[in-house]
Amino acid sequence: MIKQAFGESAIRKTKCYEWFSRFQAGRTATDDDPKPGRPSTSTDDAHVERVKSLVRANRRMTIRELADEVNISFGSRKAILTDILGMSRVASIFVPRVLTDEQR
């Protein structure tokens, strides 16, 4: 009946059983358990500040030079520049992205 009412967006039967057993054990939220593994250390505040100061000092620095200078991976550098600092590449230099009211 749930599948008929909600279609493809309906919760699967196995997930429903899993939640039921978790709630029976005393759990109060449907959030997943934290995953094991090492937390990322490349996007911490110290690396972010170092990348920010290097970009402000030399906006023509290549992506590879930037990653080598800070000693972080290419992907971490991309995450710092685009996601954390909100910068994008324009004509071979990094500039802060201007957000419209709708994007904020």
PDB file of N, CA and C in Angstrom:
ATOM      1  N   MET A   1       0.825  -1.194   0.000  1.00  0.00           N
ATOM      2  CA  MET A   1       0.000   0.000   0.000  1.00  0.00           C
ATOM      3  C   MET A   1       0.874   1.266   0.000  1.00  0.00           C
ATOM      4  N   ILE A   2       1.962   1.209   0.741  1.00  0.00           N
ATOM      5  CA  ILE A   2       2.857   2.371   0.782  1.00  0.00           C
ATOM      6  C   ILE A   2       3.466   2.599  -0.600  1.00  0.00           C
ATOM      7  N   LYS A   3       3.848   1.518  -1.262  1.00  0.00           N
ATOM      8  CA  LYS A   3       4.438   1.619  -2.597  1.00  0.00           C
ATOM      9  C   LYS A   3       3.447   2.237  -3.583  1.00  0.00           C
ATOM     10  N   GLN A   4       2.160   1.884  -3.464  1.00  0.00           N
ATOM     11  CA  GLN A   4       1.142   2.450  -4.337  1.00  0.00           C
ATOM     12  C   GLN A   4       0.942   3.934  -4.044  1.00  0.00           C
ATOM     13  N   ALA A   5       0.989   4.304  -2.778  1.00  0.00           N
ATOM     14  CA  ALA A   5       0.738   5.688  -2.401  1.00  0.00           C
ATOM     15  C   ALA A   5       1.911   6.603  -2.755  1.00  0.00           C
ATOM     16  N   PHE A   6       3.158   6.137  -2.520  1.00  0.00           N
ATOM     17  CA  PHE A   6       4.316   7.006  -2.696  1.00  0.00           C
ATOM     18  C   PHE A   6       5.154   6.670  -3.918  1.00  0.00           C
ATOM     19  N   GLY A   7       4.884   5.577  -4.575  1.00  0.00           N
ATOM     20  CA  GLY A   7       5.620   5.222  -5.784  1.00  0.00           C
ATOM     21  C   GLY A   7       7.074   4.886  -5.495  1.00  0.00           C
ATOM     22  N   GLU A   8       7.972   5.361  -6.351  1.00  0.00           N
ATOM     23  CA  GLU A   8       9.397   5.061  -6.221  1.00  0.00           C
ATOM     24  C   GLU A   8      10.051   5.742  -5.027  1.00  0.00           C
ATOM     25  N   SER A   9       9.435   6.796  -4.484  1.00  0.00           N
ATOM     26  CA  SER A   9      10.040   7.495  -3.351  1.00  0.00           C
ATOM     27  C   SER A   9       9.711   6.829  -2.015  1.00  0.00           C
ATOM     28  N   ALA A  10       8.985   5.721  -2.031  1.00  0.00           N
ATOM     29  CA  ALA A  10       8.634   5.005  -0.804  1.00  0.00           C
ATOM     30  C   ALA A  10       9.870   4.327  -0.231  1.00  0.00           C
ATOM     31  N   ILE A  11       9.906   4.240   1.088  1.00  0.00           N
ATOM     32  CA  ILE A  11      11.018   3.587   1.764  1.00  0.00           C
ATOM     33  C   ILE A  11      10.970   2.082   1.494  1.00  0.00           C
ATOM     34  N   ARG A  12      12.118   1.474   1.382  1.00  0.00           N
ATOM     35  CA  ARG A  12      12.178   0.032   1.121  1.00  0.00           C
ATOM     36  C   ARG A  12      11.839  -0.743   2.384  1.00  0.00           C
ATOM     37  N   LYS A  13      11.372  -1.929   2.182  1.00  0.00           N
ATOM     38  CA  LYS A  13      10.937  -2.790   3.282  1.00  0.00           C
ATOM     39  C   LYS A  13      12.089  -3.097   4.242  1.00  0.00           C
ATOM     40  N   THR A  14      13.263  -3.364   3.704  1.00  0.00           N
ATOM     41  CA  THR A  14      14.412  -3.688   4.553  1.00  0.00           C
ATOM     42  C   THR A  14      14.832  -2.503   5.413  1.00  0.00           C
ATOM     43  N   LYS A  15      14.785  -1.296   4.857  1.00  0.00           N
ATOM     44  CA  LYS A  15      15.137  -0.099   5.624  1.00  0.00           C
ATOM     45  C   LYS A  15      14.111   0.130   6.731  1.00  0.00           C
ATOM     46  N   CYS A  16      12.855  -0.157   6.435  1.00  0.00           N
ATOM     47  CA  CYS A  16      11.800  -0.020   7.435  1.00  0.00           C
ATOM     48  C   CYS A  16      12.052  -0.978   8.604  1.00  0.00           C
ATOM     49  N   TYR A  17      12.414  -2.223   8.298  1.00  0.00           N
ATOM     50  CA  TYR A  17      12.721  -3.202   9.345  1.00  0.00           C
ATOM     51  C   TYR A  17      13.942  -2.766  10.156  1.00  0.00           C
ATOM     52  N   GLU A  18      14.930  -2.210   9.479  1.00  0.00           N
ATOM     53  CA  GLU A  18      16.143  -1.740  10.160  1.00  0.00           C
ATOM     54  C   GLU A  18      15.806  -0.616  11.130  1.00  0.00           C
ATOM     55  N   TRP A  19      15.038   0.377  10.695  1.00  0.00           N
ATOM     56  CA  TRP A  19      14.641   1.471  11.573  1.00  0.00           C
ATOM     57  C   TRP A  19      13.808   0.960  12.753  1.00  0.00           C
ATOM     58  N   PHE A  20      12.900   0.019  12.475  1.00  0.00           N
ATOM     59  CA  PHE A  20      12.061  -0.526  13.542  1.00  0.00           C
ATOM     60  C   PHE A  20      12.923  -1.157  14.630  1.00  0.00           C
ATOM     61  N   SER A  21      13.923  -1.944  14.223  1.00  0.00           N
ATOM     62  CA  SER A  21      14.783  -2.584  15.220  1.00  0.00           C
ATOM     63  C   SER A  21      15.629  -1.557  15.964  1.00  0.00           C
ATOM     64  N   ARG A  22      16.065  -0.510  15.293  1.00  0.00           N
ATOM     65  CA  ARG A  22      16.830   0.544  15.972  1.00  0.00           C
ATOM     66  C   ARG A  22      15.969   1.293  16.988  1.00  0.00           C
ATOM     67  N   PHE A  23      14.735   1.620  16.608  1.00  0.00           N
ATOM     68  CA  PHE A  23      13.853   2.315  17.543  1.00  0.00           C
ATOM     69  C   PHE A  23      13.482   1.415  18.719  1.00  0.00           C
ATOM     70  N   GLN A  24      13.347   0.139  18.468  1.00  0.00           N
ATOM     71  CA  GLN A  24      13.043  -0.796  19.537  1.00  0.00           C
ATOM     72  C   GLN A  24      14.201  -0.874  20.534  1.00  0.00           C
ATOM     73  N   ALA A  25      15.416  -0.674  20.059  1.00  0.00           N
ATOM     74  CA  ALA A  25      16.600  -0.709  20.910  1.00  0.00           C
ATOM     75  C   ALA A  25      16.815   0.608  21.653  1.00  0.00           C
ATOM     76  N   GLY A  26      15.937   1.600  21.457  1.00  0.00           N
ATOM     77  CA  GLY A  26      16.041   2.855  22.179  1.00  0.00           C
ATOM     78  C   GLY A  26      16.553   4.031  21.388  1.00  0.00           C
ATOM     79  N   ARG A  27      16.787   3.853  20.128  1.00  0.00           N
ATOM     80  CA  ARG A  27      17.269   4.950  19.295  1.00  0.00           C
ATOM     81  C   ARG A  27      16.144   5.951  19.035  1.00  0.00           C
ATOM     82  N   THR A  28      16.491   7.240  18.885  1.00  0.00           N
ATOM     83  CA  THR A  28      15.453   8.253  18.690  1.00  0.00           C
ATOM     84  C   THR A  28      15.583   9.011  17.370  1.00  0.00           C
ATOM     85  N   ALA A  29      16.589   8.701  16.550  1.00  0.00           N
ATOM     86  CA  ALA A  29      16.784   9.424  15.286  1.00  0.00           C
ATOM     87  C   ALA A  29      17.033   8.427  14.160  1.00  0.00           C
ATOM     88  N   THR A  30      16.754   8.840  12.936  1.00  0.00           N
ATOM     89  CA  THR A  30      16.954   7.971  11.774  1.00  0.00           C
ATOM     90  C   THR A  30      18.291   8.220  11.085  1.00  0.00           C
ATOM     91  N   ASP A  31      19.122   9.093  11.628  1.00  0.00           N
ATOM     92  CA  ASP A  31      20.421   9.381  11.026  1.00  0.00           C
ATOM     93  C   ASP A  31      21.298   8.134  11.039  1.00  0.00           C
ATOM     94  N   ASP A  32      22.163   8.013  10.053  1.00  0.00           N
ATOM     95  CA  ASP A  32      23.089   6.899   9.988  1.00  0.00           C
ATOM     96  C   ASP A  32      24.159   7.043  11.063  1.00  0.00           C
ATOM     97  N   ASP A  33      24.747   5.928  11.453  1.00  0.00           N
ATOM     98  CA  ASP A  33      25.849   5.947  12.404  1.00  0.00           C
ATOM     99  C   ASP A  33      27.066   6.572  11.739  1.00  0.00           C
ATOM    100  N   PRO A  34      27.952   7.184  12.523  1.00  0.00           N
ATOM    101  CA  PRO A  34      29.178   7.718  11.930  1.00  0.00           C
ATOM    102  C   PRO A  34      30.000   6.594  11.310  1.00  0.00           C
ATOM    103  N   LYS A  35      30.572   6.871  10.163  1.00  0.00           N
ATOM    104  CA  LYS A  35      31.358   5.876   9.451  1.00  0.00           C
ATOM    105  C   LYS A  35      32.774   5.825  10.035  1.00  0.00           C
ATOM    106  N   PRO A  36      33.358   4.636  10.107  1.00  0.00           N
ATOM    107  CA  PRO A  36      34.735   4.546  10.602  1.00  0.00           C
ATOM    108  C   PRO A  36      35.694   5.101   9.562  1.00  0.00           C
ATOM    109  N   GLY A  37      36.825   5.542  10.023  1.00  0.00           N
ATOM    110  CA  GLY A  37      37.824   6.047   9.098  1.00  0.00           C
ATOM    111  C   GLY A  37      38.497   7.275   9.658  1.00  0.00           C
ATOM    112  N   ARG A  38      39.519   7.672   9.009  1.00  0.00           N
ATOM    113  CA  ARG A  38      40.297   8.806   9.449  1.00  0.00           C
ATOM    114  C   ARG A  38      39.667  10.098   8.946  1.00  0.00           C
ATOM    115  N   PRO A  39      39.512  11.097   9.802  1.00  0.00           N
ATOM    116  CA  PRO A  39      38.963  12.372   9.326  1.00  0.00           C
ATOM    117  C   PRO A  39      39.967  13.097   8.432  1.00  0.00           C
ATOM    118  N   SER A  40      39.454  13.910   7.543  1.00  0.00           N
ATOM    119  CA  SER A  40      40.310  14.657   6.636  1.00  0.00           C
ATOM    120  C   SER A  40      41.077  15.728   7.397  1.00  0.00           C
ATOM    121  N   THR A  41      42.388  15.767   7.189  1.00  0.00           N
ATOM    122  CA  THR A  41      43.205  16.787   7.837  1.00  0.00           C
ATOM    123  C   THR A  41      43.683  17.834   6.844  1.00  0.00           C
ATOM    124  N   SER A  42      43.413  17.622   5.564  1.00  0.00           N
ATOM    125  CA  SER A  42      43.890  18.556   4.542  1.00  0.00           C
ATOM    126  C   SER A  42      43.029  19.797   4.430  1.00  0.00           C
ATOM    127  N   THR A  43      41.805  19.749   4.913  1.00  0.00           N
ATOM    128  CA  THR A  43      40.929  20.912   4.794  1.00  0.00           C
ATOM    129  C   THR A  43      40.699  21.573   6.145  1.00  0.00           C
ATOM    130  N   ASP A  44      41.666  21.457   7.049  1.00  0.00           N
ATOM    131  CA  ASP A  44      41.535  22.113   8.345  1.00  0.00           C
ATOM    132  C   ASP A  44      41.854  23.600   8.217  1.00  0.00           C
ATOM    133  N   ASP A  45      41.659  24.341   9.283  1.00  0.00           N
ATOM    134  CA  ASP A  45      41.807  25.799   9.243  1.00  0.00           C
ATOM    135  C   ASP A  45      43.219  26.248   8.866  1.00  0.00           C
ATOM    136  N   ALA A  46      44.233  25.532   9.309  1.00  0.00           N
ATOM    137  CA  ALA A  46      45.611  25.924   9.000  1.00  0.00           C
ATOM    138  C   ALA A  46      45.888  25.831   7.498  1.00  0.00           C
ATOM    139  N   HIS A  47      45.445  24.747   6.870  1.00  0.00           N
ATOM    140  CA  HIS A  47      45.647  24.598   5.421  1.00  0.00           C
ATOM    141  C   HIS A  47      44.821  25.619   4.638  1.00  0.00           C
ATOM    142  N   VAL A  48      43.615  25.884   5.106  1.00  0.00           N
ATOM    143  CA  VAL A  48      42.763  26.868   4.427  1.00  0.00           C
ATOM    144  C   VAL A  48      43.423  28.245   4.458  1.00  0.00           C
ATOM    145  N   GLU A  49      43.940  28.636   5.606  1.00  0.00           N
ATOM    146  CA  GLU A  49      44.594  29.952   5.714  1.00  0.00           C
ATOM    147  C   GLU A  49      45.853  30.012   4.858  1.00  0.00           C
ATOM    148  N   ARG A  50      46.615  28.920   4.808  1.00  0.00           N
ATOM    149  CA  ARG A  50      47.835  28.887   3.995  1.00  0.00           C
ATOM    150  C   ARG A  50      47.493  29.033   2.508  1.00  0.00           C
ATOM    151  N   VAL A  51      46.475  28.296   2.040  1.00  0.00           N
ATOM    152  CA  VAL A  51      46.055  28.391   0.637  1.00  0.00           C
ATOM    153  C   VAL A  51      45.557  29.800   0.342  1.00  0.00           C
ATOM    154  N   LYS A  52      44.769  30.353   1.245  1.00  0.00           N
ATOM    155  CA  LYS A  52      44.223  31.705   1.046  1.00  0.00           C
ATOM    156  C   LYS A  52      45.337  32.737   0.928  1.00  0.00           C
ATOM    157  N   SER A  53      46.341  32.649   1.796  1.00  0.00           N
ATOM    158  CA  SER A  53      47.433  33.631   1.740  1.00  0.00           C
ATOM    159  C   SER A  53      48.269  33.456   0.474  1.00  0.00           C
ATOM    160  N   LEU A  54      48.494  32.219   0.031  1.00  0.00           N
ATOM    161  CA  LEU A  54      49.260  31.997  -1.196  1.00  0.00           C
ATOM    162  C   LEU A  54      48.529  32.528  -2.423  1.00  0.00           C
ATOM    163  N   VAL A  55      47.228  32.308  -2.485  1.00  0.00           N
ATOM    164  CA  VAL A  55      46.447  32.787  -3.628  1.00  0.00           C
ATOM    165  C   VAL A  55      46.407  34.306  -3.645  1.00  0.00           C
ATOM    166  N   ARG A  56      46.276  34.905  -2.479  1.00  0.00           N
ATOM    167  CA  ARG A  56      46.244  36.380  -2.439  1.00  0.00           C
ATOM    168  C   ARG A  56      47.601  36.980  -2.790  1.00  0.00           C
ATOM    169  N   ALA A  57      48.689  36.274  -2.466  1.00  0.00           N
ATOM    170  CA  ALA A  57      50.023  36.767  -2.788  1.00  0.00           C
ATOM    171  C   ALA A  57      50.334  36.622  -4.278  1.00  0.00           C
ATOM    172  N   ASN A  58      49.876  35.524  -4.896  1.00  0.00           N
ATOM    173  CA  ASN A  58      50.157  35.276  -6.309  1.00  0.00           C
ATOM    174  C   ASN A  58      48.948  34.593  -6.941  1.00  0.00           C
ATOM    175  N   ARG A  59      48.086  35.365  -7.555  1.00  0.00           N
ATOM    176  CA  ARG A  59      46.865  34.827  -8.138  1.00  0.00           C
ATOM    177  C   ARG A  59      47.120  34.014  -9.407  1.00  0.00           C
ATOM    178  N   ARG A  60      48.315  34.088  -9.962  1.00  0.00           N
ATOM    179  CA  ARG A  60      48.624  33.331 -11.175  1.00  0.00           C
ATOM    180  C   ARG A  60      49.286  31.996 -10.878  1.00  0.00           C
ATOM    181  N   MET A  61      49.356  31.615  -9.634  1.00  0.00           N
ATOM    182  CA  MET A  61      49.938  30.334  -9.247  1.00  0.00           C
ATOM    183  C   MET A  61      49.072  29.203  -9.799  1.00  0.00           C
ATOM    184  N   THR A  62      49.707  28.187 -10.393  1.00  0.00           N
ATOM    185  CA  THR A  62      48.943  27.084 -10.951  1.00  0.00           C
ATOM    186  C   THR A  62      48.402  26.196  -9.832  1.00  0.00           C
ATOM    187  N   ILE A  63      47.438  25.398 -10.200  1.00  0.00           N
ATOM    188  CA  ILE A  63      46.812  24.510  -9.235  1.00  0.00           C
ATOM    189  C   ILE A  63      47.839  23.524  -8.683  1.00  0.00           C
ATOM    190  N   ARG A  64      48.658  22.971  -9.550  1.00  0.00           N
ATOM    191  CA  ARG A  64      49.671  22.013  -9.129  1.00  0.00           C
ATOM    192  C   ARG A  64      50.696  22.670  -8.213  1.00  0.00           C
ATOM    193  N   GLU A  65      51.140  23.888  -8.540  1.00  0.00           N
ATOM    194  CA  GLU A  65      52.092  24.603  -7.691  1.00  0.00           C
ATOM    195  C   GLU A  65      51.492  24.856  -6.311  1.00  0.00           C
ATOM    196  N   LEU A  66      50.244  25.217  -6.288  1.00  0.00           N
ATOM    197  CA  LEU A  66      49.560  25.484  -5.030  1.00  0.00           C
ATOM    198  C   LEU A  66      49.474  24.225  -4.173  1.00  0.00           C
ATOM    199  N   ALA A  67      49.100  23.113  -4.789  1.00  0.00           N
ATOM    200  CA  ALA A  67      48.996  21.850  -4.058  1.00  0.00           C
ATOM    201  C   ALA A  67      50.361  21.398  -3.548  1.00  0.00           C
ATOM    202  N   ASP A  68      51.413  21.567  -4.353  1.00  0.00           N
ATOM    203  CA  ASP A  68      52.760  21.181  -3.936  1.00  0.00           C
ATOM    204  C   ASP A  68      53.285  22.081  -2.826  1.00  0.00           C
ATOM    205  N   GLU A  69      53.004  23.359  -2.903  1.00  0.00           N
ATOM    206  CA  GLU A  69      53.483  24.324  -1.906  1.00  0.00           C
ATOM    207  C   GLU A  69      52.898  24.032  -0.523  1.00  0.00           C
ATOM    208  N   VAL A  70      51.628  23.704  -0.482  1.00  0.00           N
ATOM    209  CA  VAL A  70      50.957  23.451   0.797  1.00  0.00           C
ATOM    210  C   VAL A  70      51.085  21.981   1.198  1.00  0.00           C
ATOM    211  N   ASN A  71      51.536  21.129   0.256  1.00  0.00           N
ATOM    212  CA  ASN A  71      51.700  19.697   0.481  1.00  0.00           C
ATOM    213  C   ASN A  71      50.369  19.006   0.784  1.00  0.00           C
ATOM    214  N   ILE A  72      49.381  19.275  -0.076  1.00  0.00           N
ATOM    215  CA  ILE A  72      48.080  18.614   0.013  1.00  0.00           C
ATOM    216  C   ILE A  72      47.736  18.055  -1.361  1.00  0.00           C
ATOM    217  N   SER A  73      46.743  17.208  -1.403  1.00  0.00           N
ATOM    218  CA  SER A  73      46.356  16.589  -2.676  1.00  0.00           C
ATOM    219  C   SER A  73      45.635  17.602  -3.568  1.00  0.00           C
ATOM    220  N   PHE A  74      45.579  17.258  -4.830  1.00  0.00           N
ATOM    221  CA  PHE A  74      44.904  18.091  -5.816  1.00  0.00           C
ATOM    222  C   PHE A  74      43.426  18.252  -5.461  1.00  0.00           C
ATOM    223  N   GLY A  75      42.769  17.173  -5.035  1.00  0.00           N
ATOM    224  CA  GLY A  75      41.351  17.212  -4.676  1.00  0.00           C
ATOM    225  C   GLY A  75      41.086  18.064  -3.451  1.00  0.00           C
ATOM    226  N   SER A  76      41.971  17.991  -2.468  1.00  0.00           N
ATOM    227  CA  SER A  76      41.815  18.814  -1.267  1.00  0.00           C
ATOM    228  C   SER A  76      41.972  20.288  -1.598  1.00  0.00           C
ATOM    229  N   ARG A  77      42.898  20.591  -2.488  1.00  0.00           N
ATOM    230  CA  ARG A  77      43.096  21.977  -2.909  1.00  0.00           C
ATOM    231  C   ARG A  77      41.853  22.501  -3.595  1.00  0.00           C
ATOM    232  N   LYS A  78      41.258  21.661  -4.423  1.00  0.00           N
ATOM    233  CA  LYS A  78      40.030  22.064  -5.115  1.00  0.00           C
ATOM    234  C   LYS A  78      38.908  22.311  -4.111  1.00  0.00           C
ATOM    235  N   ALA A  79      38.785  21.449  -3.134  1.00  0.00           N
ATOM    236  CA  ALA A  79      37.744  21.608  -2.113  1.00  0.00           C
ATOM    237  C   ALA A  79      37.948  22.896  -1.321  1.00  0.00           C
ATOM    238  N   ILE A  80      39.182  23.200  -0.977  1.00  0.00           N
ATOM    239  CA  ILE A  80      39.462  24.428  -0.221  1.00  0.00           C
ATOM    240  C   ILE A  80      39.110  25.654  -1.050  1.00  0.00           C
ATOM    241  N   LEU A  81      39.583  25.700  -2.293  1.00  0.00           N
ATOM    242  CA  LEU A  81      39.353  26.889  -3.124  1.00  0.00           C
ATOM    243  C   LEU A  81      37.880  27.080  -3.478  1.00  0.00           C
ATOM    244  N   THR A  82      37.224  26.035  -3.933  1.00  0.00           N
ATOM    245  CA  THR A  82      35.865  26.200  -4.431  1.00  0.00           C
ATOM    246  C   THR A  82      34.817  26.124  -3.334  1.00  0.00           C
ATOM    247  N   ASP A  83      34.898  25.125  -2.461  1.00  0.00           N
ATOM    248  CA  ASP A  83      33.853  24.919  -1.459  1.00  0.00           C
ATOM    249  C   ASP A  83      34.011  25.811  -0.231  1.00  0.00           C
ATOM    250  N   ILE A  84      35.226  25.899   0.300  1.00  0.00           N
ATOM    251  CA  ILE A  84      35.433  26.638   1.549  1.00  0.00           C
ATOM    252  C   ILE A  84      35.637  28.126   1.298  1.00  0.00           C
ATOM    253  N   LEU A  85      36.549  28.467   0.379  1.00  0.00           N
ATOM    254  CA  LEU A  85      36.841  29.883   0.122  1.00  0.00           C
ATOM    255  C   LEU A  85      35.904  30.504  -0.906  1.00  0.00           C
ATOM    256  N   GLY A  86      35.155  29.698  -1.636  1.00  0.00           N
ATOM    257  CA  GLY A  86      34.200  30.223  -2.606  1.00  0.00           C
ATOM    258  C   GLY A  86      34.850  30.913  -3.784  1.00  0.00           C
ATOM    259  N   MET A  87      36.010  30.426  -4.216  1.00  0.00           N
ATOM    260  CA  MET A  87      36.712  31.027  -5.349  1.00  0.00           C
ATOM    261  C   MET A  87      36.481  30.192  -6.600  1.00  0.00           C
ATOM    262  N   SER A  88      36.587  30.852  -7.737  1.00  0.00           N
ATOM    263  CA  SER A  88      36.507  30.144  -9.012  1.00  0.00           C
ATOM    264  C   SER A  88      37.582  30.706  -9.930  1.00  0.00           C
ATOM    265  N   ARG A  89      37.899  29.961 -10.960  1.00  0.00           N
ATOM    266  CA  ARG A  89      38.974  30.343 -11.873  1.00  0.00           C
ATOM    267  C   ARG A  89      38.414  31.215 -12.996  1.00  0.00           C
ATOM    268  N   VAL A  90      39.009  32.390 -13.169  1.00  0.00           N
ATOM    269  CA  VAL A  90      38.613  33.310 -14.219  1.00  0.00           C
ATOM    270  C   VAL A  90      39.883  33.798 -14.910  1.00  0.00           C
ATOM    271  N   ALA A  91      40.020  33.472 -16.192  1.00  0.00           N
ATOM    272  CA  ALA A  91      41.165  33.924 -16.988  1.00  0.00           C
ATOM    273  C   ALA A  91      42.496  33.617 -16.295  1.00  0.00           C
ATOM    274  N   SER A  92      42.652  32.390 -15.822  1.00  0.00           N
ATOM    275  CA  SER A  92      43.895  31.885 -15.238  1.00  0.00           C
ATOM    276  C   SER A  92      44.240  32.442 -13.870  1.00  0.00           C
ATOM    277  N   ILE A  93      43.338  33.128 -13.217  1.00  0.00           N
ATOM    278  CA  ILE A  93      43.589  33.567 -11.842  1.00  0.00           C
ATOM    279  C   ILE A  93      42.383  33.206 -10.991  1.00  0.00           C
ATOM    280  N   PHE A  94      42.594  33.099  -9.690  1.00  0.00           N
ATOM    281  CA  PHE A  94      41.504  32.796  -8.788  1.00  0.00           C
ATOM    282  C   PHE A  94      40.932  34.083  -8.219  1.00  0.00           C
ATOM    283  N   VAL A  95      39.615  34.197  -8.270  1.00  0.00           N
ATOM    284  CA  VAL A  95      38.941  35.376  -7.739  1.00  0.00           C
ATOM    285  C   VAL A  95      37.768  34.921  -6.875  1.00  0.00           C
ATOM    286  N   PRO A  96      37.416  35.711  -5.858  1.00  0.00           N
ATOM    287  CA  PRO A  96      36.240  35.355  -5.054  1.00  0.00           C
ATOM    288  C   PRO A  96      34.988  35.389  -5.909  1.00  0.00           C
ATOM    289  N   ARG A  97      34.120  34.432  -5.702  1.00  0.00           N
ATOM    290  CA  ARG A  97      32.870  34.346  -6.435  1.00  0.00           C
ATOM    291  C   ARG A  97      31.869  35.325  -5.837  1.00  0.00           C
ATOM    292  N   VAL A  98      31.158  36.059  -6.672  1.00  0.00           N
ATOM    293  CA  VAL A  98      30.132  36.969  -6.222  1.00  0.00           C
ATOM    294  C   VAL A  98      28.810  36.225  -6.264  1.00  0.00           C
ATOM    295  N   LEU A  99      28.170  36.110  -5.105  1.00  0.00           N
ATOM    296  CA  LEU A  99      26.910  35.377  -5.023  1.00  0.00           C
ATOM    297  C   LEU A  99      25.733  36.318  -5.114  1.00  0.00           C
ATOM    298  N   THR A 100      24.723  35.895  -5.840  1.00  0.00           N
ATOM    299  CA  THR A 100      23.486  36.674  -5.890  1.00  0.00           C
ATOM    300  C   THR A 100      22.664  36.373  -4.637  1.00  0.00           C
ATOM    301  N   ASP A 101      21.625  37.141  -4.405  1.00  0.00           N
ATOM    302  CA  ASP A 101      20.780  36.912  -3.240  1.00  0.00           C
ATOM    303  C   ASP A 101      20.137  35.537  -3.260  1.00  0.00           C
ATOM    304  N   GLU A 102      19.823  35.023  -4.433  1.00  0.00           N
ATOM    305  CA  GLU A 102      19.201  33.701  -4.549  1.00  0.00           C
ATOM    306  C   GLU A 102      20.176  32.590  -4.187  1.00  0.00           C
ATOM    307  N   GLN A 103      21.474  32.773  -4.465  1.00  0.00           N
ATOM    308  CA  GLN A 103      22.471  31.757  -4.172  1.00  0.00           C
ATOM    309  C   GLN A 103      22.871  31.742  -2.704  1.00  0.00           C
ATOM    310  N   ARG A 104      22.628  32.824  -1.981  1.00  0.00           N
ATOM    311  CA  ARG A 104      23.030  32.888  -0.562  1.00  0.00           C
ATOM    312  C   ARG A 104      22.106  32.152   0.266  1.00  0.00           C
TER     313      ARG A 104
END
